[in-house]
């Protein structure tokens, strides 16, 4: 997804980079949360699921 330098200049490219990094961080956070949820749904982790 290479963007031509003429379209985005200055703060626009910064905002685009910020949006892209925020999106990747959100993806990471979501996958981590899914892993934790899968871990806590196991029957031997009753104390962990009690917090929800």
C-alpha atoms as a PDB file:
ATOM      1  CA  UNK A   1       0.000   0.000   0.000  1.00  0.00           C
ATOM      2  CA  UNK A   2       2.472   2.635  -1.141  1.00  0.00           C
ATOM      3  CA  UNK A   3       0.946   6.089  -1.268  1.00  0.00           C
ATOM      4  CA  UNK A   4       2.218   8.621  -3.825  1.00  0.00           C
ATOM      5  CA  UNK A   5       4.043  11.469  -2.055  1.00  0.00           C
ATOM      6  CA  UNK A   6       1.966  14.078  -3.863  1.00  0.00           C
ATOM      7  CA  UNK A   7      -1.356  12.989  -2.360  1.00  0.00           C
ATOM      8  CA  UNK A   8      -0.392  13.065   1.291  1.00  0.00           C
ATOM      9  CA  UNK A   9       1.962  15.731   2.530  1.00  0.00           C
ATOM     10  CA  UNK A  10       2.847  16.952   6.019  1.00  0.00           C
ATOM     11  CA  UNK A  11       0.292  16.162   8.718  1.00  0.00           C
ATOM     12  CA  UNK A  12      -1.835  14.033   6.392  1.00  0.00           C
ATOM     13  CA  UNK A  13       0.899  11.409   6.029  1.00  0.00           C
ATOM     14  CA  UNK A  14       1.499  11.560   9.781  1.00  0.00           C
ATOM     15  CA  UNK A  15      -2.186  10.946  10.423  1.00  0.00           C
ATOM     16  CA  UNK A  16      -2.126   8.063   7.955  1.00  0.00           C
ATOM     17  CA  UNK A  17       0.864   6.469   9.702  1.00  0.00           C
ATOM     18  CA  UNK A  18      -0.780   7.012  13.091  1.00  0.00           C
ATOM     19  CA  UNK A  19      -3.979   5.395  11.846  1.00  0.00           C
ATOM     20  CA  UNK A  20      -2.061   2.423  10.436  1.00  0.00           C
ATOM     21  CA  UNK A  21      -0.094   1.912  13.659  1.00  0.00           C
ATOM     22  CA  UNK A  22      -3.247   2.254  15.752  1.00  0.00           C
ATOM     23  CA  UNK A  23      -4.899  -0.369  13.555  1.00  0.00           C
ATOM     24  CA  UNK A  24      -1.996  -2.807  13.981  1.00  0.00           C
ATOM     25  CA  UNK A  25      -1.949  -2.192  17.743  1.00  0.00           C
ATOM     26  CA  UNK A  26      -5.681  -2.861  17.821  1.00  0.00           C
ATOM     27  CA  UNK A  27      -5.159  -6.127  15.941  1.00  0.00           C
ATOM     28  CA  UNK A  28      -2.420  -7.159  18.371  1.00  0.00           C
ATOM     29  CA  UNK A  29      -4.593  -6.263  21.361  1.00  0.00           C
ATOM     30  CA  UNK A  30      -7.536  -8.165  19.942  1.00  0.00           C
ATOM     31  CA  UNK A  31      -5.527 -11.330  19.330  1.00  0.00           C
ATOM     32  CA  UNK A  32      -3.980 -11.118  22.809  1.00  0.00           C
ATOM     33  CA  UNK A  33      -7.430 -10.713  24.340  1.00  0.00           C
ATOM     34  CA  UNK A  34      -8.676 -13.721  22.378  1.00  0.00           C
ATOM     35  CA  UNK A  35      -5.749 -15.808  23.641  1.00  0.00           C
ATOM     36  CA  UNK A  36      -6.438 -14.765  27.229  1.00  0.00           C
ATOM     37  CA  UNK A  37     -10.140 -15.525  26.825  1.00  0.00           C
ATOM     38  CA  UNK A  38      -9.338 -18.962  25.403  1.00  0.00           C
ATOM     39  CA  UNK A  39      -6.987 -19.578  28.333  1.00  0.00           C
ATOM     40  CA  UNK A  40      -9.548 -18.495  30.905  1.00  0.00           C
ATOM     41  CA  UNK A  41     -12.346 -20.628  29.467  1.00  0.00           C
ATOM     42  CA  UNK A  42     -10.465 -23.792  30.442  1.00  0.00           C
ATOM     43  CA  UNK A  43     -12.096 -25.441  33.505  1.00  0.00           C
ATOM     44  CA  UNK A  44      -8.973 -25.412  35.679  1.00  0.00           C
ATOM     45  CA  UNK A  45      -8.781 -21.606  35.522  1.00  0.00           C
ATOM     46  CA  UNK A  46     -11.947 -20.901  37.489  1.00  0.00           C
ATOM     47  CA  UNK A  47     -10.455 -18.059  39.526  1.00  0.00           C
ATOM     48  CA  UNK A  48      -9.469 -16.200  36.348  1.00  0.00           C
ATOM     49  CA  UNK A  49     -12.961 -16.365  34.820  1.00  0.00           C
ATOM     50  CA  UNK A  50     -14.578 -15.237  38.085  1.00  0.00           C
ATOM     51  CA  UNK A  51     -13.300 -11.688  37.525  1.00  0.00           C
ATOM     52  CA  UNK A  52     -15.454 -11.090  34.428  1.00  0.00           C
END
